[in-house]
Amino acid sequence: MDRGNSNQDNKNYARPNQKWECGWTCDGWACRVGPSAKGECRATFECRPMLERKAGEEKGRWRCTRPAEHGGTCEIGPSPDGKCCKPIPKCQPKRSLRAKRALLCLLMVTFSFGLLLVLGGSSKLRWKFLSPGKLSTAHQSEAFRLMEAEHFGADNNGCAGCHGAARSDNPGWLEHALNASPSPLNIKKAVLFDHRSLTKVDASCATCHSGHTFHQPNLTHDYSCAACHIEHRGSGRLSPPLDLHCVACHGDKQDMLAAAELGKKLSPEKFQFHQEGVLASFIPPRPEEGFTQVIHAFHKDHPEFQVHRDQLKDPNPLRFNHAVHFGPGIPKLDGRNLDCSSCHKPDASGARFAPVKFEANCRSCHSLQFDPANPTLQLPHGDTDAVRAFLRSLPLQYANLAARQGMTRKEDQDRFSQEQQKALKKLFPTGEELERSVLMTGDRDQAGGDATGQRGYFVGCIYCHTPGVTAAGLPTMQKPVIPDRWMTHAKFNHQPHSFVACTECHSAKTSRSTADILLPKKDNCISCHSPKGGVPNSCVTCHGYHNTPGKP
């Protein structure tokens, strides 16, 4: 072969499927024959001379047969004995790139398999090697270990609580792997597998978390725990679900249509849930389609809050006017005008406000002093029967008042009681008139006090309460209903919002009816809870996923 022939076509030697290649390939003049399958050089001469005999000749003549792509006929030609004059020097064949890759893969597989045998054979190293990372704090606690031991035995390896396959040995793992659904051998099904579907790990979750139901009852398919709650990401709390987990369903129009149709077939009781720690909830009517509007983000297509969207009213029978209490005619309390904080006090957690109660928030202004001559003698509150019993035992009540004022002799107490009853009869000649005045009168001109700052005396129960009638036909007052949760499908914490004035979100100064629900509108929230406002606005900021069944 002529190494200097620049016209040589070396591409003809391309053999990508061969294990060996000619040692001269790197020099750009690989031989045509190439190595054998065992990597032996088969080079001999550049051609095989051909003997040509003309008519009448005995010996004939040897002719060079080197092809044109390898330089054509050489100048010297074959030797007289028919040998090619250009022998090809032997080379050291080299493994092809394909062979090197195959050898590398074989070595890696062998090494990996050997490493797995070593690690799998040691119980101490086995679990350390298999674990993808630390568990969350809750799943490392002593309480979790005790619960795990109760269900799976005290000698479990720490993984068995969640992973059922961990309860078997090495051959069992292989069996579990081959019988998995989808099978690792079914590549197409594994690629197209819906990761929201329930798995065997979810069954382990339900063993301990038995009180967590899967969201709303019109959910068209159960959602895997592990799809949202991803473990082995380090100690601390589990990372909250991302919006993409919520939007996977709530952003899917077909999913929402299916949920709406399923909801129509279920009874309303199925959708009643009890929030932990809630005493009374405002239960809005469920929309015909349920809560199945397609939503992608709070600041984009989240609907207006239902209380405003459907113009819902507070069913509380208590008569209350916020605007009046902010007015200039109201006497000061502790030297300052009334404001929101006068009645609404944060609870111990700071997340919510303590319920408004008469004794703590109202009595200081709305005194139950039915007798102007004895302002310290006040009616009981909260029970119509107790009020009626109090009025029918006035002789005893006045006598007790005399004792509290320092009269120790019974004769003095009785005389005081008779004098006060006699004076009261000038205002109310009969006991029936007194009861009627106390229960069924509501003189609003007398209720608010006067310009001197004096509090108004008691003007009747119906000033604040809606009257009713007992089964026996006696007048009574309807019990106030003051929910401590207004959004049953959301959560709210007042503490991070403490720097915002109450009236920026609650229009209390213009509210003149108890029926007004003074919740902020969506636009109030979006001003902060949006990418523009810079405050977290993910779904889990306000919403939880799991529900606890039961009527509130």
Protein backbone atom coordinates (compact mmCIF):
# COMPACT_ATOMS: atom_id res chain seq x y z
CA MET A 1 0.00 0.00 0.00
CA ASP A 2 1.31 3.42 -0.92
CA ARG A 3 1.23 5.47 2.30
CA GLY A 4 1.97 8.64 0.43
CA ASN A 5 -0.91 8.36 -1.99
CA SER A 6 -3.23 11.24 -1.02
CA ASN A 7 -5.99 9.92 -3.28
CA GLN A 8 -6.47 6.87 -1.06
CA ASP A 9 -10.13 6.50 0.08
CA ASN A 10 -9.88 5.49 3.72
CA LYS A 11 -13.66 5.72 4.22
CA ASN A 12 -14.03 2.32 2.66
CA TYR A 13 -12.60 0.88 5.83
CA ALA A 14 -15.38 2.18 8.11
CA ARG A 15 -16.55 -0.84 10.14
CA PRO A 16 -18.48 0.58 13.14
CA ASN A 17 -19.90 -2.83 14.02
CA GLN A 18 -16.50 -4.55 14.32
CA LYS A 19 -14.71 -5.14 17.61
CA TRP A 20 -11.23 -4.47 16.20
CA GLU A 21 -9.73 -1.96 13.85
CA CYS A 22 -6.42 -1.79 11.97
CA GLY A 23 -3.50 -0.43 13.93
CA TRP A 24 -2.62 1.93 11.07
CA THR A 25 -6.02 3.60 11.12
CA CYS A 26 -4.80 6.48 13.24
CA ASP A 27 -2.09 7.18 10.62
CA GLY A 28 -4.77 7.42 7.98
CA TRP A 29 -3.86 4.34 5.87
CA ALA A 30 -5.71 1.34 7.30
CA CYS A 31 -5.40 -1.83 5.26
CA ARG A 32 -8.32 -3.19 3.29
CA VAL A 33 -8.42 -6.59 4.99
CA GLY A 34 -8.64 -5.47 8.59
CA PRO A 35 -8.10 -7.53 11.76
CA SER A 36 -9.70 -10.91 12.37
CA ALA A 37 -12.57 -11.39 14.84
CA LYS A 38 -9.97 -12.31 17.47
CA GLY A 39 -7.93 -9.13 16.91
CA GLU A 40 -5.15 -10.67 14.80
CA CYS A 41 -3.54 -8.68 11.98
CA ARG A 42 -4.20 -10.30 8.57
CA ALA A 43 -2.03 -7.96 6.46
CA THR A 44 0.11 -9.64 3.72
CA PHE A 45 0.76 -7.73 0.44
CA GLU A 46 -0.92 -4.85 -1.28
CA CYS A 47 -2.13 -7.09 -4.10
CA ARG A 48 -2.27 -10.62 -5.41
CA PRO A 49 -0.47 -10.64 -8.81
CA MET A 50 -2.27 -12.42 -11.64
CA LEU A 51 -0.46 -14.66 -14.18
CA GLU A 52 -1.25 -13.80 -17.79
CA ARG A 53 -0.24 -16.08 -20.72
CA LYS A 54 -0.47 -15.05 -24.29
CA ALA A 55 -1.00 -17.55 -27.03
CA GLY A 56 2.14 -19.63 -27.61
CA GLU A 57 3.77 -18.58 -24.30
CA GLU A 58 4.72 -21.13 -21.65
CA LYS A 59 5.77 -19.04 -18.69
CA GLY A 60 3.52 -16.05 -19.06
CA ARG A 61 3.77 -12.77 -17.18
CA TRP A 62 2.65 -11.64 -13.68
CA ARG A 63 0.47 -8.54 -13.59
CA CYS A 64 -0.08 -6.22 -10.63
CA THR A 65 -3.73 -6.18 -9.45
CA ARG A 66 -3.66 -3.30 -6.99
CA PRO A 67 -6.97 -1.43 -7.40
CA ALA A 68 -7.10 2.13 -8.56
CA GLU A 69 -8.50 3.45 -5.22
CA HIS A 70 -5.32 2.18 -3.57
CA GLY A 71 -2.89 3.68 -6.10
CA GLY A 72 -3.39 1.48 -9.13
CA THR A 73 -0.69 -0.64 -10.78
CA CYS A 74 2.68 -0.10 -9.13
CA GLU A 75 5.72 0.86 -11.17
CA ILE A 76 7.89 -2.09 -10.15
CA GLY A 77 5.27 -4.78 -10.51
CA PRO A 78 5.39 -8.34 -9.18
CA SER A 79 8.63 -10.29 -8.76
CA PRO A 80 9.46 -13.06 -11.32
CA ASP A 81 8.13 -15.67 -8.94
CA GLY A 82 4.73 -13.93 -8.77
CA LYS A 83 5.06 -12.28 -5.40
CA CYS A 84 3.88 -8.70 -4.79
CA CYS A 85 6.78 -6.37 -4.39
CA LYS A 86 4.99 -4.26 -1.79
CA PRO A 87 4.45 -6.21 1.44
CA ILE A 88 2.20 -4.64 4.10
CA PRO A 89 3.91 -4.27 7.48
CA LYS A 90 2.12 -5.99 10.31
CA CYS A 91 0.25 -3.81 12.82
CA GLN A 92 -1.13 -4.19 16.34
CA PRO A 93 -4.92 -4.12 15.93
CA LYS A 94 -6.77 -1.92 18.42
CA ARG A 95 -10.19 -2.30 19.96
CA SER A 96 -12.86 -0.22 18.27
CA LEU A 97 -14.84 2.44 20.15
CA ARG A 98 -17.81 0.07 20.17
CA ALA A 99 -15.70 -2.67 21.78
CA LYS A 100 -14.32 -0.26 24.37
CA ARG A 101 -17.82 0.83 25.33
CA ALA A 102 -18.98 -2.76 25.59
CA LEU A 103 -16.01 -3.66 27.78
CA LEU A 104 -16.61 -0.61 29.98
CA CYS A 105 -20.29 -1.53 30.40
CA LEU A 106 -19.40 -5.09 31.27
CA LEU A 107 -16.90 -3.92 33.86
CA MET A 108 -19.41 -1.47 35.36
CA VAL A 109 -22.16 -4.08 35.53
CA THR A 110 -19.79 -6.57 37.13
CA PHE A 111 -18.56 -3.98 39.62
CA SER A 112 -22.09 -2.80 40.44
CA PHE A 113 -23.37 -6.31 40.89
CA GLY A 114 -20.44 -7.12 43.16
CA LEU A 115 -20.98 -3.93 45.16
CA LEU A 116 -24.67 -4.76 45.57
CA LEU A 117 -23.76 -8.21 46.83
CA VAL A 118 -21.35 -6.71 49.38
CA LEU A 119 -23.78 -4.05 50.56
CA GLY A 120 -26.78 -6.37 50.48
CA GLY A 121 -24.97 -8.99 52.48
CA SER A 122 -24.31 -6.62 55.38
CA SER A 123 -27.45 -5.71 57.33
CA LYS A 124 -25.72 -2.62 58.71
CA LEU A 125 -24.59 -1.27 55.35
CA ARG A 126 -27.70 -2.42 53.46
CA TRP A 127 -30.15 0.16 54.83
CA LYS A 128 -27.61 2.96 54.88
CA PHE A 129 -26.92 2.36 51.21
CA LEU A 130 -30.56 2.05 50.18
CA SER A 131 -31.82 5.15 51.99
CA PRO A 132 -32.04 8.14 49.61
CA GLY A 133 -31.82 10.63 52.48
CA LYS A 134 -32.92 11.60 55.97
CA LEU A 135 -36.55 11.36 56.98
CA SER A 136 -38.57 14.32 58.17
CA THR A 137 -38.61 15.08 61.88
CA ALA A 138 -42.08 13.60 62.36
CA HIS A 139 -40.98 10.25 60.93
CA GLN A 140 -37.88 10.13 63.11
CA SER A 141 -39.69 10.78 66.37
CA GLU A 142 -40.03 8.33 69.22
CA ALA A 143 -43.81 8.36 68.79
CA PHE A 144 -43.45 7.25 65.19
CA ARG A 145 -41.03 4.47 66.14
CA LEU A 146 -43.45 3.16 68.74
CA MET A 147 -46.31 3.25 66.25
CA GLU A 148 -44.15 1.53 63.66
CA ALA A 149 -43.20 -1.19 66.13
CA GLU A 150 -46.87 -1.68 67.03
CA HIS A 151 -47.86 -2.34 63.42
CA PHE A 152 -44.75 -4.00 62.00
CA GLY A 153 -42.82 -5.39 64.95
CA ALA A 154 -40.08 -4.00 67.14
CA ASP A 155 -37.31 -5.64 65.09
CA ASN A 156 -38.17 -3.94 61.79
CA ASN A 157 -35.34 -2.17 59.99
CA GLY A 158 -36.81 1.33 60.05
CA CYS A 159 -37.97 1.22 56.44
CA ALA A 160 -40.73 -1.34 56.87
CA GLY A 161 -43.10 1.24 58.28
CA CYS A 162 -43.58 2.71 54.82
CA HIS A 163 -42.04 0.26 52.38
CA GLY A 164 -43.60 -3.20 52.53
CA ALA A 165 -40.85 -4.76 50.43
CA ALA A 166 -38.33 -3.88 53.14
CA ARG A 167 -39.84 -6.61 55.32
CA SER A 168 -38.36 -9.31 53.06
CA ASP A 169 -34.81 -10.38 52.14
CA ASN A 170 -32.79 -9.99 48.93
CA PRO A 171 -34.71 -12.61 46.90
CA GLY A 172 -37.93 -11.00 48.09
CA TRP A 173 -36.81 -7.65 46.75
CA LEU A 174 -36.25 -9.14 43.34
CA GLU A 175 -39.70 -10.67 43.44
CA HIS A 176 -41.25 -7.35 44.46
CA ALA A 177 -39.40 -5.53 41.70
CA LEU A 178 -40.54 -7.95 38.99
CA ASN A 179 -44.14 -7.93 40.27
CA ALA A 180 -44.33 -4.17 40.60
CA SER A 181 -47.08 -2.31 38.78
CA PRO A 182 -46.11 -1.02 36.34
CA SER A 183 -43.45 -3.66 35.79
CA PRO A 184 -39.93 -2.43 34.98
CA LEU A 185 -40.12 -4.65 31.91
CA ASN A 186 -43.18 -2.73 30.66
CA ILE A 187 -41.33 0.42 29.68
CA LYS A 188 -44.26 2.08 27.91
CA LYS A 189 -46.62 1.67 30.87
CA ALA A 190 -43.93 2.84 33.28
CA VAL A 191 -43.36 6.02 31.25
CA LEU A 192 -47.09 6.77 30.92
CA PHE A 193 -47.90 5.85 34.53
CA ASP A 194 -50.09 8.41 36.35
CA HIS A 195 -48.05 9.26 39.43
CA ARG A 196 -51.15 10.63 41.16
CA SER A 197 -52.52 7.10 41.52
CA LEU A 198 -52.40 5.30 44.85
CA THR A 199 -49.50 2.97 45.55
CA LYS A 200 -48.64 0.38 48.19
CA VAL A 201 -46.78 3.06 50.12
CA ASP A 202 -50.06 4.98 50.45
CA ALA A 203 -51.57 1.99 52.23
CA SER A 204 -48.78 2.30 54.80
CA CYS A 205 -49.54 6.02 55.22
CA ALA A 206 -53.19 5.24 55.92
CA THR A 207 -52.18 2.80 58.66
CA CYS A 208 -51.11 5.70 60.87
CA HIS A 209 -52.90 8.64 59.30
CA SER A 210 -56.34 7.08 59.46
CA GLY A 211 -58.11 10.40 60.15
CA HIS A 212 -57.01 11.99 56.89
CA THR A 213 -59.67 11.62 54.23
CA PHE A 214 -58.95 12.35 50.63
CA HIS A 215 -60.22 15.89 50.11
CA GLN A 216 -63.81 16.34 48.88
CA PRO A 217 -66.09 13.31 48.39
CA ASN A 218 -66.59 14.20 44.71
CA LEU A 219 -62.91 13.64 44.01
CA THR A 220 -62.83 11.64 40.77
CA HIS A 221 -59.67 9.75 41.73
CA ASP A 222 -57.62 9.38 44.88
CA TYR A 223 -54.36 11.26 44.98
CA SER A 224 -51.20 9.55 46.13
CA CYS A 225 -49.75 10.77 49.42
CA ALA A 226 -46.24 10.58 47.99
CA ALA A 227 -47.22 12.76 45.04
CA CYS A 228 -47.44 15.78 47.37
CA HIS A 229 -45.57 14.75 50.51
CA ILE A 230 -42.08 13.90 49.32
CA GLU A 231 -39.91 12.25 51.96
CA HIS A 232 -36.15 11.77 52.33
CA ARG A 233 -35.42 15.45 51.69
CA GLY A 234 -33.76 16.02 55.03
CA SER A 235 -34.88 16.57 58.60
CA GLY A 236 -37.40 19.22 59.55
CA ARG A 237 -40.98 19.49 58.41
CA LEU A 238 -42.17 17.96 55.18
CA SER A 239 -42.18 20.49 52.36
CA PRO A 240 -45.71 21.74 51.65
CA PRO A 241 -47.37 20.67 48.40
CA LEU A 242 -46.67 22.86 45.39
CA ASP A 243 -49.29 24.67 43.34
CA LEU A 244 -48.67 22.27 40.48
CA HIS A 245 -50.09 19.47 42.65
CA CYS A 246 -53.33 21.43 43.16
CA VAL A 247 -53.54 22.67 39.59
CA ALA A 248 -53.13 19.09 38.33
CA CYS A 249 -56.82 18.70 39.20
CA HIS A 250 -58.21 22.21 39.71
CA GLY A 251 -56.64 23.43 36.50
CA ASP A 252 -58.00 20.49 34.50
CA LYS A 253 -61.39 21.36 32.98
CA GLN A 254 -62.34 17.73 32.36
CA ASP A 255 -61.47 16.76 35.94
CA MET A 256 -63.61 19.60 37.29
CA LEU A 257 -66.56 18.70 35.04
CA ALA A 258 -66.37 15.10 36.22
CA ALA A 259 -66.20 16.24 39.86
CA ALA A 260 -69.23 18.49 39.37
CA GLU A 261 -71.30 15.63 37.92
CA LEU A 262 -70.25 13.28 40.71
CA GLY A 263 -71.12 15.89 43.34
CA LYS A 264 -74.70 16.12 42.08
CA LYS A 265 -75.21 12.45 42.89
CA LEU A 266 -74.04 12.76 46.52
CA SER A 267 -76.09 13.89 49.51
CA PRO A 268 -75.29 17.30 51.07
CA GLU A 269 -74.26 15.59 54.31
CA LYS A 270 -71.25 14.12 52.49
CA PHE A 271 -69.79 17.61 52.14
CA GLN A 272 -70.04 18.64 55.79
CA PHE A 273 -66.66 18.66 57.51
CA HIS A 274 -65.47 19.67 60.92
CA GLN A 275 -62.40 21.83 61.32
CA GLU A 276 -60.27 20.98 64.32
CA GLY A 277 -60.69 23.39 67.22
CA VAL A 278 -63.77 25.05 65.71
CA LEU A 279 -66.78 25.62 67.96
CA ALA A 280 -69.17 27.07 65.40
CA SER A 281 -68.77 27.54 61.66
CA PHE A 282 -70.68 29.59 59.17
CA ILE A 283 -71.96 26.96 56.74
CA PRO A 284 -72.63 28.52 53.33
CA PRO A 285 -74.96 26.76 50.88
CA ARG A 286 -73.08 24.52 48.50
CA PRO A 287 -73.21 25.80 44.89
CA GLU A 288 -75.01 23.57 42.39
CA GLU A 289 -71.73 22.73 40.63
CA GLY A 290 -69.81 22.58 43.88
CA PHE A 291 -66.42 24.24 44.07
CA THR A 292 -65.30 23.04 40.66
CA GLN A 293 -64.32 26.25 38.88
CA VAL A 294 -61.07 25.86 36.93
CA ILE A 295 -58.31 27.66 38.85
CA HIS A 296 -54.65 28.12 38.00
CA ALA A 297 -53.56 30.81 40.47
CA PHE A 298 -55.11 32.94 43.20
CA HIS A 299 -54.30 36.25 41.50
CA LYS A 300 -55.52 35.02 38.10
CA ASP A 301 -58.73 33.02 37.92
CA HIS A 302 -59.60 32.28 41.54
CA PRO A 303 -63.28 33.22 42.02
CA GLU A 304 -64.51 35.91 44.40
CA PHE A 305 -65.13 34.61 47.91
CA GLN A 306 -68.52 32.97 48.13
CA VAL A 307 -69.92 35.24 50.84
CA HIS A 308 -69.53 38.19 48.46
CA ARG A 309 -70.15 36.35 45.20
CA ASP A 310 -73.50 34.99 46.43
CA GLN A 311 -74.23 37.98 48.71
CA LEU A 312 -74.69 35.74 51.73
CA LYS A 313 -76.07 37.11 55.01
CA ASP A 314 -75.15 36.52 58.62
CA PRO A 315 -77.99 34.47 60.20
CA ASN A 316 -77.17 35.71 63.70
CA PRO A 317 -80.43 36.87 65.41
CA LEU A 318 -78.46 39.33 67.56
CA ARG A 319 -79.19 42.98 66.72
CA PHE A 320 -75.92 44.81 66.32
CA ASN A 321 -74.86 47.97 64.50
CA HIS A 322 -71.12 48.46 63.98
CA ALA A 323 -71.47 51.99 62.60
CA VAL A 324 -73.26 53.22 65.73
CA HIS A 325 -70.44 52.01 67.96
CA PHE A 326 -67.94 54.04 65.93
CA GLY A 327 -70.15 57.15 66.17
CA PRO A 328 -69.37 60.32 68.16
CA GLY A 329 -72.36 59.86 70.49
CA ILE A 330 -70.88 56.78 72.16
CA PRO A 331 -69.24 57.52 75.52
CA LYS A 332 -65.53 56.82 75.80
CA LEU A 333 -64.27 53.60 77.30
CA ASP A 334 -61.18 53.83 79.49
CA GLY A 335 -60.65 57.35 78.24
CA ARG A 336 -60.72 56.63 74.51
CA ASN A 337 -63.25 56.21 71.74
CA LEU A 338 -64.38 52.75 70.83
CA ASP A 339 -62.45 50.98 68.09
CA CYS A 340 -62.14 47.39 66.87
CA SER A 341 -59.72 46.42 69.63
CA SER A 342 -62.21 47.50 72.32
CA CYS A 343 -64.18 44.29 71.76
CA HIS A 344 -62.08 42.07 69.50
CA LYS A 345 -59.15 40.64 71.43
CA PRO A 346 -56.61 38.13 70.02
CA ASP A 347 -56.72 34.66 71.53
CA ALA A 348 -53.70 33.01 73.14
CA SER A 349 -52.30 31.87 69.79
CA GLY A 350 -52.71 35.26 68.12
CA ALA A 351 -53.98 33.52 65.00
CA ARG A 352 -57.64 34.22 65.72
CA PHE A 353 -59.76 36.47 67.91
CA ALA A 354 -61.44 35.33 71.08
CA PRO A 355 -65.25 35.13 70.86
CA VAL A 356 -67.08 38.32 71.84
CA LYS A 357 -68.95 37.73 75.10
CA PHE A 358 -71.39 39.93 76.97
CA GLU A 359 -69.61 39.81 80.31
CA ALA A 360 -66.19 40.63 78.85
CA ASN A 361 -67.12 43.02 76.07
CA CYS A 362 -70.63 44.42 76.49
CA ARG A 363 -71.57 44.77 80.15
CA SER A 364 -69.21 47.69 80.77
CA CYS A 365 -71.40 49.79 78.46
CA HIS A 366 -74.73 47.94 78.40
CA SER A 367 -75.46 47.62 82.09
CA LEU A 368 -78.42 45.45 83.11
CA GLN A 369 -79.49 47.92 85.84
CA PHE A 370 -83.26 47.67 85.52
CA ASP A 371 -83.87 49.78 88.72
CA PRO A 372 -82.53 53.37 88.33
CA ALA A 373 -82.46 53.77 92.13
CA ASN A 374 -80.20 50.73 92.59
CA PRO A 375 -77.67 50.60 89.71
CA THR A 376 -75.63 47.84 91.33
CA LEU A 377 -78.56 45.44 91.27
CA GLN A 378 -78.36 43.94 87.80
CA LEU A 379 -80.20 41.24 85.92
CA PRO A 380 -78.56 37.94 85.01
CA HIS A 381 -77.68 37.52 81.34
CA GLY A 382 -77.93 34.65 78.91
CA ASP A 383 -81.07 32.82 80.05
CA THR A 384 -84.64 34.18 79.86
CA ASP A 385 -85.83 31.75 82.51
CA ALA A 386 -83.12 32.99 84.88
CA VAL A 387 -84.21 36.61 84.27
CA ARG A 388 -87.82 35.68 84.95
CA ALA A 389 -86.87 33.85 88.16
CA PHE A 390 -84.78 36.84 89.28
CA LEU A 391 -87.68 39.27 88.86
CA ARG A 392 -90.06 36.98 90.72
CA SER A 393 -87.68 36.83 93.68
CA LEU A 394 -87.10 40.58 94.04
CA PRO A 395 -87.75 40.64 97.81
CA LEU A 396 -84.82 38.27 98.26
CA GLN A 397 -82.68 40.14 95.70
CA TYR A 398 -83.18 43.48 97.49
CA ALA A 399 -82.45 41.86 100.87
CA ASN A 400 -79.19 40.44 99.51
CA LEU A 401 -78.32 43.85 98.09
CA ALA A 402 -78.83 45.38 101.56
CA ALA A 403 -76.49 42.77 103.02
CA ARG A 404 -73.83 43.59 100.44
CA GLN A 405 -74.19 47.27 101.36
CA GLY A 406 -73.42 46.54 105.03
CA MET A 407 -76.83 46.00 106.63
CA THR A 408 -76.34 43.05 108.93
CA ARG A 409 -79.67 42.97 110.80
CA LYS A 410 -82.46 41.06 109.09
CA GLU A 411 -85.02 43.70 110.12
CA ASP A 412 -83.02 46.38 108.30
CA GLN A 413 -82.65 44.16 105.22
CA ASP A 414 -86.41 43.46 105.11
CA ARG A 415 -87.27 47.14 105.55
CA PHE A 416 -84.86 48.11 102.75
CA SER A 417 -86.38 45.45 100.49
CA GLN A 418 -89.96 46.70 101.11
CA GLU A 419 -88.98 50.33 100.46
CA GLN A 420 -87.29 49.48 97.13
CA GLN A 421 -90.22 47.35 95.97
CA LYS A 422 -92.64 50.13 96.83
CA ALA A 423 -90.60 52.65 94.82
CA LEU A 424 -90.32 50.24 91.86
CA LYS A 425 -94.12 49.72 91.80
CA LYS A 426 -94.54 53.43 90.98
CA LEU A 427 -92.79 52.63 87.68
CA PHE A 428 -94.22 49.15 87.18
CA PRO A 429 -97.47 48.59 89.11
CA THR A 430 -97.51 44.83 88.51
CA GLY A 431 -94.96 42.08 88.15
CA GLU A 432 -96.28 41.29 84.65
CA GLU A 433 -95.59 44.87 83.56
CA LEU A 434 -92.09 44.68 84.99
CA GLU A 435 -91.36 41.43 83.15
CA ARG A 436 -92.83 42.82 79.93
CA SER A 437 -90.72 45.95 80.24
CA VAL A 438 -87.55 44.01 80.94
CA LEU A 439 -88.02 41.45 78.21
CA MET A 440 -90.00 43.13 75.46
CA THR A 441 -89.15 46.86 75.63
CA GLY A 442 -86.30 48.43 73.69
CA ASP A 443 -86.16 52.20 74.17
CA ARG A 444 -83.20 53.09 72.00
CA ASP A 445 -83.21 56.74 73.03
CA GLN A 446 -82.19 55.70 76.54
CA ALA A 447 -79.66 53.04 75.57
CA GLY A 448 -76.63 54.96 74.41
CA GLY A 449 -75.98 57.20 77.39
CA ASP A 450 -75.86 60.99 77.40
CA ALA A 451 -73.46 63.78 76.57
CA THR A 452 -71.96 63.67 80.07
CA GLY A 453 -70.51 60.24 79.39
CA GLN A 454 -72.97 58.38 81.60
CA ARG A 455 -73.89 54.92 80.44
CA GLY A 456 -77.49 54.24 79.56
CA TYR A 457 -79.58 52.05 81.86
CA PHE A 458 -81.09 48.77 80.78
CA VAL A 459 -83.90 49.31 78.27
CA GLY A 460 -85.06 45.76 77.52
CA CYS A 461 -83.78 42.51 76.09
CA ILE A 462 -85.19 43.10 72.61
CA TYR A 463 -82.92 46.10 72.21
CA CYS A 464 -80.22 43.58 71.27
CA HIS A 465 -82.03 40.24 70.96
CA THR A 466 -84.67 38.88 68.61
CA PRO A 467 -87.71 37.74 70.64
CA GLY A 468 -89.32 34.33 70.42
CA VAL A 469 -91.89 32.23 72.25
CA THR A 470 -91.33 29.09 74.29
CA ALA A 471 -93.40 25.93 73.96
CA ALA A 472 -95.36 27.13 77.00
CA GLY A 473 -96.16 30.43 75.30
CA LEU A 474 -93.77 32.52 77.37
CA PRO A 475 -91.60 35.21 75.77
CA THR A 476 -87.96 34.27 75.26
CA MET A 477 -84.90 35.49 73.35
CA GLN A 478 -83.27 33.70 70.44
CA LYS A 479 -79.73 32.62 71.21
CA PRO A 480 -76.99 34.52 69.35
CA VAL A 481 -74.97 32.49 66.84
CA ILE A 482 -71.45 33.87 66.48
CA PRO A 483 -69.25 31.62 64.29
CA ASP A 484 -65.56 31.46 64.98
CA ARG A 485 -64.94 30.38 61.36
CA TRP A 486 -66.42 32.12 58.36
CA MET A 487 -64.48 30.40 55.59
CA THR A 488 -64.87 26.68 56.10
CA HIS A 489 -62.72 25.86 53.08
CA ALA A 490 -59.80 28.10 54.04
CA LYS A 491 -57.54 29.02 56.93
CA PHE A 492 -56.43 32.43 58.13
CA ASN A 493 -53.96 33.74 60.66
CA HIS A 494 -54.47 37.29 61.93
CA GLN A 495 -51.03 37.53 63.54
CA PRO A 496 -49.01 38.18 60.33
CA HIS A 497 -51.62 40.79 59.38
CA SER A 498 -51.43 42.72 62.66
CA PHE A 499 -49.63 45.66 61.03
CA VAL A 500 -52.66 46.29 58.78
CA ALA A 501 -55.51 48.43 60.15
CA CYS A 502 -58.69 46.39 60.70
CA THR A 503 -60.79 48.76 58.60
CA GLU A 504 -58.55 48.25 55.56
CA CYS A 505 -60.06 44.78 55.22
CA HIS A 506 -63.28 44.96 57.24
CA SER A 507 -65.81 47.68 56.37
CA ALA A 508 -67.18 47.87 59.92
CA LYS A 509 -67.56 51.66 60.07
CA THR A 510 -70.30 51.62 57.42
CA SER A 511 -72.09 48.45 58.53
CA ARG A 512 -75.51 49.03 60.14
CA SER A 513 -76.88 45.50 60.09
CA THR A 514 -75.95 42.26 61.82
CA ALA A 515 -76.62 40.53 58.50
CA ASP A 516 -73.54 42.15 56.97
CA ILE A 517 -70.64 39.69 56.69
CA LEU A 518 -67.60 41.89 57.06
CA LEU A 519 -65.03 39.66 55.39
CA PRO A 520 -62.52 41.22 53.02
CA LYS A 521 -62.98 40.74 49.31
CA LYS A 522 -60.57 38.95 47.02
CA ASP A 523 -59.11 42.24 45.75
CA ASN A 524 -58.10 43.17 49.31
CA CYS A 525 -56.04 40.01 49.53
CA ILE A 526 -54.55 40.18 46.03
CA SER A 527 -53.03 43.58 46.77
CA CYS A 528 -50.48 41.68 48.86
CA HIS A 529 -50.91 37.97 48.07
CA SER A 530 -49.75 38.06 44.46
CA PRO A 531 -46.46 38.16 42.55
CA LYS A 532 -46.83 41.94 42.42
CA GLY A 533 -47.44 42.23 46.16
CA GLY A 534 -44.57 39.90 46.97
CA VAL A 535 -46.42 37.98 49.70
CA PRO A 536 -46.84 34.17 49.44
CA ASN A 537 -49.86 33.32 47.34
CA SER A 538 -49.65 29.56 46.89
CA CYS A 539 -52.71 27.37 47.31
CA VAL A 540 -51.54 25.98 50.67
CA THR A 541 -51.16 29.51 52.05
CA CYS A 542 -54.91 29.49 52.65
CA HIS A 543 -56.14 25.99 51.84
CA GLY A 544 -55.59 22.57 53.31
CA TYR A 545 -56.19 19.33 51.47
CA HIS A 546 -57.41 16.78 54.00
CA ASN A 547 -60.81 16.96 55.66
CA THR A 548 -62.15 15.55 58.89
CA PRO A 549 -65.68 14.22 58.38
CA GLY A 550 -68.39 15.21 60.80
CA LYS A 551 -70.90 17.97 61.31
CA PRO A 552 -69.50 21.14 62.93
